C-alpha cells in the first residue's frame, strides 16, 4: 500500500510540473505573439510613411505618426483602421473619442499635441554623431526591450542590452533616456 501512496504523490507532482510548464510556455507564446503584432504595426506605419508623399512636414513625435491620419493615408472614417495606431499591449483606442481623429488636420498637428491618439513614439531630435539608419518609430510597451522602425525601412526587436540599457533602466523615449536610440524618439 505504501508504494501506491508514493506512486500517487509522484504522479500528482508530475502533473503539477507539467501544468506549471504549460503556464510558463503560454505566457512566452503570448508575449511573442504581442511582439510579432507590434512589429507588424510598426512596419505598417513605417511603410506608410516611407511610401507616402512628405505629408509629415517636419513634424516630430506622435504628431509625425498622426500625420498619416490627417493626410488621409489612414482613413479615420473607418474606426478599425485606427487600431494600428496603438501597440498590442495598450487598449488606448477604446478610450479615445473617434471624433478627435476625424478632426485632425495638418495645420492642427503643427500647433497642437495629441499624445493620447497613438501609443507609439515618433522621431525626435537626431543624436549628435549618430551614424546609420535613424530610429523613426517605436513601441516601448514591452518589458524586455522595444520594437523600433528605422529610416531604411527595417523593423527590429531590440533587447535592453542592444538599446544600451541595464536591467533597472526605464524603457523611455526622449532626451532623458539612457539609450542613444531611444533619445532619438519622442513620446510627445
N, C-alpha and C. Protein backbone atom coordinates (compact mmCIF):
# COMPACT_ATOMS: atom_id res chain seq x y z
N UNK A 1 0.81 -1.19 0.00
CA UNK A 1 0.00 0.00 0.00
C UNK A 1 0.85 1.26 0.00
N UNK A 2 1.96 1.18 0.68
CA UNK A 2 2.82 2.36 0.77
C UNK A 2 3.34 2.75 -0.62
N UNK A 3 3.62 1.76 -1.45
CA UNK A 3 4.12 2.08 -2.79
C UNK A 3 3.05 2.78 -3.63
N UNK A 4 1.77 2.52 -3.36
CA UNK A 4 0.68 3.22 -4.05
C UNK A 4 0.66 4.71 -3.68
N UNK A 5 0.91 5.00 -2.40
CA UNK A 5 0.96 6.40 -1.95
C UNK A 5 2.11 7.14 -2.61
N UNK A 6 3.27 6.49 -2.68
CA UNK A 6 4.44 7.10 -3.32
C UNK A 6 4.17 7.31 -4.81
N UNK A 7 3.61 6.31 -5.45
CA UNK A 7 3.28 6.43 -6.87
C UNK A 7 2.26 7.55 -7.11
N UNK A 8 1.24 7.63 -6.24
CA UNK A 8 0.24 8.69 -6.35
C UNK A 8 0.85 10.07 -6.19
N UNK A 9 1.72 10.24 -5.20
CA UNK A 9 2.39 11.54 -5.00
C UNK A 9 3.28 11.88 -6.19
N UNK A 10 3.95 10.90 -6.74
CA UNK A 10 4.82 11.12 -7.90
C UNK A 10 4.00 11.57 -9.10
N UNK A 11 2.88 10.93 -9.32
CA UNK A 11 2.01 11.29 -10.45
C UNK A 11 1.45 12.70 -10.26
N UNK A 12 1.00 13.02 -9.05
CA UNK A 12 0.47 14.37 -8.78
C UNK A 12 1.57 15.40 -8.97
N UNK A 13 2.77 15.12 -8.48
CA UNK A 13 3.90 16.04 -8.66
C UNK A 13 4.23 16.25 -10.12
N UNK A 14 4.22 15.17 -10.89
CA UNK A 14 4.48 15.26 -12.33
C UNK A 14 3.42 16.10 -13.03
N UNK A 15 2.17 15.88 -12.68
CA UNK A 15 1.08 16.66 -13.28
C UNK A 15 1.22 18.14 -12.95
N UNK A 16 1.58 18.45 -11.70
CA UNK A 16 1.78 19.85 -11.32
C UNK A 16 2.94 20.48 -12.09
N UNK A 17 4.04 19.74 -12.27
CA UNK A 17 5.17 20.26 -13.05
C UNK A 17 4.77 20.52 -14.50
N UNK A 18 4.03 19.60 -15.09
CA UNK A 18 3.56 19.79 -16.47
C UNK A 18 2.65 21.02 -16.55
N UNK A 19 1.76 21.17 -15.60
CA UNK A 19 0.84 22.31 -15.58
C UNK A 19 1.61 23.63 -15.47
N UNK A 20 2.57 23.71 -14.56
CA UNK A 20 3.39 24.92 -14.41
C UNK A 20 4.17 25.19 -15.69
N UNK A 21 4.72 24.14 -16.27
CA UNK A 21 5.44 24.30 -17.53
C UNK A 21 4.56 24.85 -18.64
N UNK A 22 3.34 24.35 -18.71
CA UNK A 22 2.39 24.85 -19.72
C UNK A 22 2.03 26.32 -19.49
N UNK A 23 1.86 26.70 -18.22
CA UNK A 23 1.57 28.11 -17.91
C UNK A 23 2.72 29.01 -18.34
N UNK A 24 3.94 28.59 -18.05
CA UNK A 24 5.11 29.39 -18.43
C UNK A 24 5.21 29.46 -19.95
N UNK A 25 5.02 28.35 -20.62
CA UNK A 25 5.09 28.33 -22.09
C UNK A 25 4.00 29.22 -22.69
N UNK A 26 2.81 29.20 -22.11
CA UNK A 26 1.71 30.03 -22.63
C UNK A 26 2.02 31.51 -22.49
N UNK A 27 2.64 31.91 -21.39
CA UNK A 27 2.97 33.33 -21.22
C UNK A 27 4.05 33.74 -22.22
N UNK A 28 5.00 32.86 -22.51
CA UNK A 28 6.03 33.16 -23.51
C UNK A 28 5.43 33.25 -24.91
N UNK A 29 4.51 32.36 -25.21
CA UNK A 29 3.84 32.39 -26.52
C UNK A 29 3.03 33.67 -26.65
N UNK A 30 2.33 34.06 -25.60
CA UNK A 30 1.53 35.29 -25.62
C UNK A 30 2.42 36.51 -25.81
N UNK A 31 3.54 36.59 -25.10
CA UNK A 31 4.46 37.72 -25.24
C UNK A 31 5.04 37.75 -26.65
N UNK A 32 5.41 36.60 -27.18
CA UNK A 32 5.96 36.54 -28.53
C UNK A 32 4.91 36.97 -29.56
N UNK A 33 3.66 36.55 -29.36
CA UNK A 33 2.59 36.97 -30.26
C UNK A 33 2.38 38.48 -30.20
N UNK A 34 2.43 39.07 -29.00
CA UNK A 34 2.31 40.52 -28.85
C UNK A 34 3.46 41.24 -29.55
N UNK A 35 4.67 40.71 -29.42
CA UNK A 35 5.83 41.33 -30.08
C UNK A 35 5.70 41.23 -31.59
N UNK A 36 5.23 40.10 -32.09
CA UNK A 36 5.06 39.93 -33.54
C UNK A 36 4.02 40.92 -34.06
N UNK A 37 2.90 41.07 -33.37
CA UNK A 37 1.88 42.03 -33.78
C UNK A 37 2.42 43.45 -33.69
N UNK A 38 3.22 43.72 -32.66
CA UNK A 38 3.84 45.03 -32.53
C UNK A 38 4.74 45.33 -33.73
N UNK A 39 5.55 44.34 -34.12
CA UNK A 39 6.41 44.52 -35.28
C UNK A 39 5.59 44.77 -36.54
N UNK A 40 4.46 44.07 -36.68
CA UNK A 40 3.58 44.28 -37.84
C UNK A 40 3.03 45.70 -37.85
N UNK A 41 2.55 46.18 -36.69
CA UNK A 41 2.00 47.55 -36.62
C UNK A 41 3.07 48.59 -36.91
N UNK A 42 4.26 48.43 -36.32
CA UNK A 42 5.35 49.38 -36.56
C UNK A 42 5.73 49.36 -38.04
N UNK A 43 5.82 48.16 -38.62
CA UNK A 43 6.18 48.04 -40.04
C UNK A 43 5.13 48.71 -40.93
N UNK A 44 3.86 48.52 -40.60
CA UNK A 44 2.79 49.14 -41.38
C UNK A 44 2.90 50.66 -41.35
N UNK A 45 3.01 51.23 -40.15
CA UNK A 45 3.10 52.69 -40.03
C UNK A 45 4.36 53.23 -40.69
N UNK A 46 5.48 52.54 -40.51
CA UNK A 46 6.73 52.98 -41.13
C UNK A 46 6.64 52.92 -42.65
N UNK A 47 6.10 51.84 -43.18
CA UNK A 47 5.97 51.70 -44.63
C UNK A 47 5.04 52.78 -45.20
N UNK A 48 3.94 53.04 -44.51
CA UNK A 48 3.04 54.11 -44.98
C UNK A 48 3.76 55.44 -45.03
N UNK A 49 4.58 55.72 -44.03
CA UNK A 49 5.33 56.98 -44.03
C UNK A 49 6.37 57.02 -45.14
N UNK A 50 7.10 55.95 -45.29
CA UNK A 50 8.18 55.94 -46.27
C UNK A 50 7.66 55.94 -47.71
N UNK A 51 6.46 55.41 -47.93
CA UNK A 51 5.91 55.34 -49.28
C UNK A 51 5.00 56.50 -49.65
N UNK A 52 4.58 57.28 -48.66
CA UNK A 52 3.67 58.39 -48.93
C UNK A 52 4.48 59.65 -49.26
N UNK A 53 3.78 60.62 -49.84
CA UNK A 53 4.40 61.92 -50.07
C UNK A 53 4.77 62.51 -48.71
N UNK A 54 5.63 63.49 -48.70
CA UNK A 54 6.07 64.06 -47.43
C UNK A 54 4.93 64.87 -46.81
N UNK A 55 4.02 64.18 -46.17
CA UNK A 55 2.87 64.80 -45.53
C UNK A 55 3.17 65.19 -44.09
N UNK A 56 4.29 64.71 -43.55
CA UNK A 56 4.61 64.97 -42.15
C UNK A 56 5.16 66.39 -41.97
N UNK A 57 5.72 66.96 -43.01
CA UNK A 57 6.16 68.35 -42.98
C UNK A 57 7.00 68.76 -41.77
N UNK A 58 7.98 67.96 -41.40
CA UNK A 58 8.86 68.32 -40.30
C UNK A 58 8.31 68.01 -38.92
N UNK A 59 7.16 67.37 -38.84
CA UNK A 59 6.59 67.02 -37.55
C UNK A 59 7.46 65.98 -36.85
N UNK A 60 7.39 65.99 -35.52
CA UNK A 60 8.12 65.00 -34.75
C UNK A 60 7.17 64.34 -33.76
N UNK A 61 7.70 63.32 -33.09
CA UNK A 61 6.95 62.64 -32.05
C UNK A 61 5.69 61.99 -32.56
N UNK A 62 4.71 61.95 -31.68
CA UNK A 62 3.45 61.27 -32.02
C UNK A 62 2.68 61.98 -33.12
N UNK A 63 2.87 63.30 -33.26
CA UNK A 63 2.20 64.02 -34.34
C UNK A 63 2.71 63.55 -35.71
N UNK A 64 3.97 63.11 -35.77
CA UNK A 64 4.51 62.56 -37.02
C UNK A 64 3.69 61.33 -37.43
N UNK A 65 3.39 60.47 -36.46
CA UNK A 65 2.58 59.28 -36.73
C UNK A 65 1.16 59.68 -37.12
N UNK A 66 0.59 60.62 -36.38
CA UNK A 66 -0.78 61.04 -36.63
C UNK A 66 -0.95 61.79 -37.95
N UNK A 67 0.15 62.24 -38.54
CA UNK A 67 0.05 62.91 -39.84
C UNK A 67 -0.50 61.96 -40.90
N UNK A 68 -0.34 60.65 -40.68
CA UNK A 68 -0.94 59.67 -41.61
C UNK A 68 -2.46 59.78 -41.61
N UNK A 69 -3.03 60.07 -40.46
CA UNK A 69 -4.49 60.23 -40.35
C UNK A 69 -4.89 61.58 -40.92
N UNK A 70 -4.19 62.63 -40.55
CA UNK A 70 -4.53 63.98 -41.01
C UNK A 70 -4.45 64.10 -42.53
N UNK A 71 -3.52 63.37 -43.15
CA UNK A 71 -3.36 63.43 -44.60
C UNK A 71 -4.28 62.45 -45.33
N UNK A 72 -5.03 61.64 -44.58
CA UNK A 72 -5.95 60.69 -45.20
C UNK A 72 -5.29 59.40 -45.67
N UNK A 73 -4.02 59.18 -45.33
CA UNK A 73 -3.36 57.92 -45.68
C UNK A 73 -4.01 56.78 -44.90
N UNK A 74 -4.28 57.04 -43.61
CA UNK A 74 -5.09 56.14 -42.80
C UNK A 74 -6.45 56.81 -42.68
N UNK A 75 -7.47 56.16 -43.17
CA UNK A 75 -8.81 56.75 -43.20
C UNK A 75 -9.46 56.70 -41.81
N UNK A 76 -9.66 57.87 -41.22
CA UNK A 76 -10.25 57.97 -39.89
C UNK A 76 -11.73 57.61 -39.89
N UNK A 77 -12.38 57.71 -41.04
CA UNK A 77 -13.81 57.43 -41.12
C UNK A 77 -14.13 56.00 -40.72
N UNK A 78 -13.21 55.11 -40.98
CA UNK A 78 -13.41 53.68 -40.68
C UNK A 78 -12.61 53.34 -39.42
N UNK A 79 -13.27 53.37 -38.29
CA UNK A 79 -12.62 53.21 -36.98
C UNK A 79 -11.65 52.02 -36.91
N UNK A 80 -11.95 50.84 -37.48
CA UNK A 80 -10.99 49.73 -37.40
C UNK A 80 -9.62 50.03 -38.00
N UNK A 81 -9.54 50.99 -38.92
CA UNK A 81 -8.24 51.38 -39.48
C UNK A 81 -7.32 51.96 -38.41
N UNK A 82 -7.90 52.51 -37.36
CA UNK A 82 -7.12 53.22 -36.35
C UNK A 82 -6.47 52.30 -35.32
N UNK A 83 -6.83 51.02 -35.35
CA UNK A 83 -6.26 50.07 -34.39
C UNK A 83 -4.75 50.02 -34.49
N UNK A 84 -4.21 50.19 -35.69
CA UNK A 84 -2.75 50.11 -35.88
C UNK A 84 -2.01 51.25 -35.21
N UNK A 85 -2.72 52.25 -34.69
CA UNK A 85 -2.07 53.38 -34.02
C UNK A 85 -1.68 53.08 -32.57
N UNK A 86 -2.04 51.88 -32.09
CA UNK A 86 -1.74 51.52 -30.70
C UNK A 86 -1.02 50.18 -30.63
N UNK A 87 -0.04 50.08 -29.74
CA UNK A 87 0.61 48.78 -29.51
C UNK A 87 -0.40 47.77 -29.00
N UNK A 88 -0.08 46.51 -29.20
CA UNK A 88 -0.99 45.44 -28.78
C UNK A 88 -1.16 45.38 -27.28
N UNK A 89 -0.23 45.94 -26.53
CA UNK A 89 -0.30 45.90 -25.07
C UNK A 89 -1.06 47.08 -24.49
N UNK A 90 -1.56 47.96 -25.35
CA UNK A 90 -2.28 49.15 -24.91
C UNK A 90 -3.67 49.14 -25.53
N UNK A 91 -4.69 49.36 -24.73
CA UNK A 91 -6.07 49.37 -25.24
C UNK A 91 -6.54 50.79 -25.51
N UNK A 92 -5.66 51.68 -25.89
CA UNK A 92 -5.93 53.10 -26.00
C UNK A 92 -7.07 53.52 -26.89
N UNK A 93 -7.29 52.83 -28.01
CA UNK A 93 -8.33 53.26 -28.94
C UNK A 93 -9.71 53.25 -28.30
N UNK A 94 -9.95 52.35 -27.37
CA UNK A 94 -11.24 52.28 -26.69
C UNK A 94 -11.51 53.51 -25.83
N UNK A 95 -10.44 54.20 -25.43
CA UNK A 95 -10.57 55.36 -24.54
C UNK A 95 -10.61 56.70 -25.28
N UNK A 96 -10.59 56.68 -26.61
CA UNK A 96 -10.49 57.91 -27.39
C UNK A 96 -11.80 58.16 -28.14
N UNK A 97 -12.22 59.40 -28.15
CA UNK A 97 -13.38 59.83 -28.92
C UNK A 97 -13.02 59.78 -30.41
N UNK A 98 -13.74 59.01 -31.18
CA UNK A 98 -13.45 58.85 -32.61
C UNK A 98 -13.44 60.20 -33.33
N UNK A 99 -14.23 61.13 -32.87
CA UNK A 99 -14.29 62.45 -33.49
C UNK A 99 -12.96 63.19 -33.46
N UNK A 100 -12.11 62.87 -32.49
CA UNK A 100 -10.79 63.53 -32.43
C UNK A 100 -9.95 63.17 -33.64
N UNK A 101 -10.05 61.94 -34.11
CA UNK A 101 -9.31 61.54 -35.31
C UNK A 101 -9.89 62.23 -36.54
N UNK A 102 -11.20 62.32 -36.61
CA UNK A 102 -11.85 62.96 -37.75
C UNK A 102 -11.50 64.44 -37.83
N UNK A 103 -11.18 65.06 -36.69
CA UNK A 103 -10.87 66.49 -36.65
C UNK A 103 -9.38 66.80 -36.86
N UNK A 104 -8.55 65.77 -37.01
CA UNK A 104 -7.12 66.03 -37.21
C UNK A 104 -6.88 66.66 -38.58
N UNK A 105 -6.06 67.68 -38.60
CA UNK A 105 -5.64 68.31 -39.86
C UNK A 105 -4.13 68.57 -39.76
N UNK A 106 -3.46 68.70 -40.90
CA UNK A 106 -2.04 69.03 -40.86
C UNK A 106 -1.78 70.33 -40.09
N UNK A 107 -2.66 71.29 -40.23
CA UNK A 107 -2.48 72.57 -39.53
C UNK A 107 -2.55 72.38 -38.01
N UNK A 108 -3.51 71.61 -37.55
CA UNK A 108 -3.64 71.36 -36.10
C UNK A 108 -2.42 70.61 -35.57
N UNK A 109 -1.88 69.69 -36.36
CA UNK A 109 -0.71 68.93 -35.91
C UNK A 109 0.52 69.83 -35.76
N UNK A 110 0.57 70.93 -36.50
CA UNK A 110 1.71 71.85 -36.37
C UNK A 110 1.61 72.72 -35.12
N UNK A 111 0.42 72.88 -34.57
CA UNK A 111 0.25 73.79 -33.43
C UNK A 111 -0.22 73.12 -32.14
N UNK A 112 -0.75 71.90 -32.23
CA UNK A 112 -1.28 71.22 -31.04
C UNK A 112 -0.65 69.84 -30.89
N UNK A 113 -0.72 69.31 -29.70
CA UNK A 113 -0.21 67.96 -29.41
C UNK A 113 -1.38 67.03 -29.10
N UNK A 114 -1.26 65.78 -29.57
CA UNK A 114 -2.30 64.77 -29.37
C UNK A 114 -1.68 63.45 -28.93
N UNK A 115 -0.94 63.43 -27.82
CA UNK A 115 -0.24 62.20 -27.43
C UNK A 115 -1.17 61.03 -27.10
N UNK A 116 -2.41 61.29 -26.77
CA UNK A 116 -3.35 60.22 -26.41
C UNK A 116 -3.94 59.51 -27.63
N UNK A 117 -3.68 60.01 -28.84
CA UNK A 117 -4.27 59.42 -30.03
C UNK A 117 -3.42 58.32 -30.66
N UNK A 118 -2.24 58.06 -30.12
CA UNK A 118 -1.42 56.93 -30.54
C UNK A 118 -0.55 56.50 -29.38
N UNK A 119 -0.21 55.23 -29.35
CA UNK A 119 0.63 54.71 -28.27
C UNK A 119 2.08 54.52 -28.69
N UNK A 120 2.41 54.85 -29.94
CA UNK A 120 3.78 54.70 -30.43
C UNK A 120 4.54 56.01 -30.28
N UNK A 121 5.85 55.91 -30.22
CA UNK A 121 6.72 57.08 -30.21
C UNK A 121 7.15 57.37 -31.64
N UNK A 122 7.30 58.64 -31.94
CA UNK A 122 7.76 59.06 -33.27
C UNK A 122 9.15 59.65 -33.19
N UNK A 123 9.65 60.18 -34.30
CA UNK A 123 11.02 60.69 -34.34
C UNK A 123 11.19 61.94 -33.47
N UNK A 124 12.35 62.02 -32.87
CA UNK A 124 12.75 63.19 -32.10
C UNK A 124 14.03 63.75 -32.71
N UNK A 125 14.73 64.60 -31.95
CA UNK A 125 15.98 65.16 -32.47
C UNK A 125 17.04 64.07 -32.71
N UNK A 126 17.83 64.26 -33.75
CA UNK A 126 18.90 63.33 -34.08
C UNK A 126 20.01 63.41 -33.04
N UNK A 127 20.49 62.26 -32.61
CA UNK A 127 21.58 62.16 -31.64
C UNK A 127 22.87 62.66 -32.30
N UNK A 128 23.61 63.57 -31.66
CA UNK A 128 24.87 64.06 -32.25
C UNK A 128 25.81 62.89 -32.57
N UNK A 129 26.36 62.90 -33.77
CA UNK A 129 27.31 61.88 -34.18
C UNK A 129 26.70 60.55 -34.58
N UNK A 130 25.36 60.48 -34.63
CA UNK A 130 24.71 59.21 -34.97
C UNK A 130 25.01 58.84 -36.42
N UNK A 131 25.39 57.60 -36.62
CA UNK A 131 25.60 57.08 -37.97
C UNK A 131 24.70 55.88 -38.17
N UNK A 132 24.21 55.73 -39.36
CA UNK A 132 23.33 54.60 -39.66
C UNK A 132 21.89 55.04 -39.75
N UNK A 133 21.01 54.09 -39.98
CA UNK A 133 19.58 54.41 -40.11
C UNK A 133 19.04 55.05 -38.83
N UNK A 134 18.24 56.05 -39.01
CA UNK A 134 17.67 56.80 -37.89
C UNK A 134 16.42 56.10 -37.36
N UNK A 135 16.28 55.98 -36.04
CA UNK A 135 15.02 55.47 -35.48
C UNK A 135 13.89 56.46 -35.74
N UNK A 136 12.77 55.96 -36.29
CA UNK A 136 11.64 56.84 -36.60
C UNK A 136 10.39 56.54 -35.79
N UNK A 137 10.23 55.30 -35.37
CA UNK A 137 9.02 54.90 -34.67
C UNK A 137 9.36 53.79 -33.70
N UNK A 138 8.70 53.81 -32.54
CA UNK A 138 8.98 52.76 -31.57
C UNK A 138 7.78 52.38 -30.72
N UNK A 139 7.73 51.10 -30.40
CA UNK A 139 6.78 50.55 -29.43
C UNK A 139 7.59 50.22 -28.19
N UNK A 140 7.41 50.99 -27.14
CA UNK A 140 8.20 50.83 -25.92
C UNK A 140 7.38 50.20 -24.80
N UNK A 141 6.34 49.48 -25.14
CA UNK A 141 5.42 48.96 -24.12
C UNK A 141 5.77 47.57 -23.61
N UNK A 142 6.83 46.98 -24.12
CA UNK A 142 7.20 45.63 -23.70
C UNK A 142 8.27 45.69 -22.60
N UNK A 143 8.28 44.68 -21.77
CA UNK A 143 9.16 44.63 -20.61
C UNK A 143 10.65 44.54 -20.96
N UNK A 144 11.02 43.63 -21.85
CA UNK A 144 12.43 43.32 -22.05
C UNK A 144 13.12 44.03 -23.19
N UNK A 145 12.42 44.94 -23.87
CA UNK A 145 13.03 45.62 -25.00
C UNK A 145 12.01 46.49 -25.72
N UNK A 146 12.30 46.78 -26.99
CA UNK A 146 11.42 47.66 -27.76
C UNK A 146 11.45 47.27 -29.23
N UNK A 147 10.35 47.52 -29.92
CA UNK A 147 10.27 47.35 -31.36
C UNK A 147 10.54 48.71 -31.98
N UNK A 148 11.57 48.79 -32.83
CA UNK A 148 11.97 50.07 -33.42
C UNK A 148 11.95 49.96 -34.94
N UNK A 149 11.36 50.98 -35.59
CA UNK A 149 11.38 51.10 -37.05
C UNK A 149 12.37 52.17 -37.45
N UNK A 150 13.21 51.87 -38.43
CA UNK A 150 14.30 52.76 -38.83
C UNK A 150 14.07 53.36 -40.22
N UNK A 151 14.80 54.41 -40.51
CA UNK A 151 14.65 55.15 -41.76
C UNK A 151 14.99 54.33 -43.00
N UNK A 152 15.69 53.22 -42.86
CA UNK A 152 15.98 52.36 -44.01
C UNK A 152 14.86 51.35 -44.27
N UNK A 153 13.77 51.44 -43.50
CA UNK A 153 12.63 50.55 -43.67
C UNK A 153 12.68 49.30 -42.81
N UNK A 154 13.77 49.09 -42.08
CA UNK A 154 13.86 47.90 -41.24
C UNK A 154 13.12 48.10 -39.93
N UNK A 155 12.61 47.01 -39.39
CA UNK A 155 11.94 47.00 -38.10
C UNK A 155 12.59 45.89 -37.30
N UNK A 156 13.05 46.25 -36.09
CA UNK A 156 13.77 45.25 -35.29
C UNK A 156 13.32 45.28 -33.84
N UNK A 157 13.29 44.09 -33.24
CA UNK A 157 13.12 43.97 -31.81
C UNK A 157 14.50 44.12 -31.20
N UNK A 158 14.65 45.06 -30.27
CA UNK A 158 15.94 45.29 -29.61
C UNK A 158 15.80 44.99 -28.13
N UNK A 159 16.64 44.09 -27.64
CA UNK A 159 16.68 43.77 -26.21
C UNK A 159 17.25 44.97 -25.47
N UNK A 160 17.07 44.99 -24.16
CA UNK A 160 17.59 46.08 -23.31
C UNK A 160 19.07 46.36 -23.58
N UNK A 161 19.85 45.27 -23.68
CA UNK A 161 21.29 45.43 -23.89
C UNK A 161 21.58 46.13 -25.22
N UNK A 162 20.82 45.75 -26.27
CA UNK A 162 21.01 46.37 -27.58
C UNK A 162 20.61 47.84 -27.58
N UNK A 163 19.71 48.19 -26.68
CA UNK A 163 19.30 49.59 -26.53
C UNK A 163 20.30 50.38 -25.69
N UNK A 164 21.21 49.67 -25.04
CA UNK A 164 22.17 50.32 -24.16
C UNK A 164 21.62 50.55 -22.76
N UNK A 165 20.66 49.71 -22.36
CA UNK A 165 20.01 49.87 -21.06
C UNK A 165 20.36 48.71 -20.14
N UNK A 166 20.46 49.00 -18.86
CA UNK A 166 20.63 47.98 -17.85
C UNK A 166 19.27 47.45 -17.40
N UNK A 167 19.30 46.45 -16.54
CA UNK A 167 18.07 45.81 -16.06
C UNK A 167 17.13 46.78 -15.35
N UNK A 168 17.67 47.78 -14.68
CA UNK A 168 16.84 48.71 -13.90
C UNK A 168 16.53 50.01 -14.63
N UNK A 169 17.11 50.20 -15.82
CA UNK A 169 16.86 51.43 -16.57
C UNK A 169 15.47 51.40 -17.19
N UNK A 170 14.74 52.51 -17.11
CA UNK A 170 13.41 52.54 -17.74
C UNK A 170 13.53 52.56 -19.26
N UNK A 171 12.57 51.92 -19.90
CA UNK A 171 12.49 51.95 -21.36
C UNK A 171 11.60 53.15 -21.70
N UNK A 172 12.24 54.29 -21.98
CA UNK A 172 11.52 55.53 -22.23
C UNK A 172 12.17 56.30 -23.36
N UNK A 173 11.36 57.07 -24.07
CA UNK A 173 11.84 57.89 -25.17
C UNK A 173 12.14 59.29 -24.67
N UNK A 174 12.93 60.01 -25.45
CA UNK A 174 13.18 61.41 -25.16
C UNK A 174 14.58 61.70 -24.67
N UNK A 175 14.86 62.97 -24.44
CA UNK A 175 16.22 63.40 -24.10
C UNK A 175 16.75 62.84 -22.78
N UNK A 176 15.88 62.40 -21.88
CA UNK A 176 16.33 61.87 -20.59
C UNK A 176 16.60 60.37 -20.62
N UNK A 177 16.34 59.71 -21.75
CA UNK A 177 16.55 58.28 -21.85
C UNK A 177 18.05 57.97 -21.75
N UNK A 178 18.37 56.84 -21.20
CA UNK A 178 19.76 56.39 -21.12
C UNK A 178 20.19 55.69 -22.40
N UNK A 179 19.24 55.45 -23.29
CA UNK A 179 19.52 54.77 -24.56
C UNK A 179 19.71 55.79 -25.67
N UNK A 180 20.84 55.74 -26.40
CA UNK A 180 21.02 56.66 -27.53
C UNK A 180 19.93 56.50 -28.58
N UNK A 181 19.47 55.27 -28.80
CA UNK A 181 18.42 55.04 -29.79
C UNK A 181 17.11 55.67 -29.33
N UNK A 182 16.77 55.47 -28.07
CA UNK A 182 15.50 55.99 -27.55
C UNK A 182 15.52 57.50 -27.34
N UNK A 183 16.71 58.10 -27.22
CA UNK A 183 16.78 59.57 -27.13
C UNK A 183 16.36 60.21 -28.46
N UNK A 184 16.42 59.43 -29.56
CA UNK A 184 16.04 59.96 -30.87
C UNK A 184 14.56 59.74 -31.17
N UNK A 185 13.81 59.24 -30.18
CA UNK A 185 12.37 59.08 -30.31
C UNK A 185 11.69 60.01 -29.31
N UNK A 186 10.46 60.37 -29.60
CA UNK A 186 9.71 61.27 -28.74
C UNK A 186 8.31 60.72 -28.48
N UNK A 187 7.89 60.78 -27.22
CA UNK A 187 6.53 60.35 -26.88
C UNK A 187 5.60 61.54 -26.73
N UNK A 188 6.07 62.70 -27.11
CA UNK A 188 5.25 63.94 -27.05
C UNK A 188 4.29 63.99 -28.21
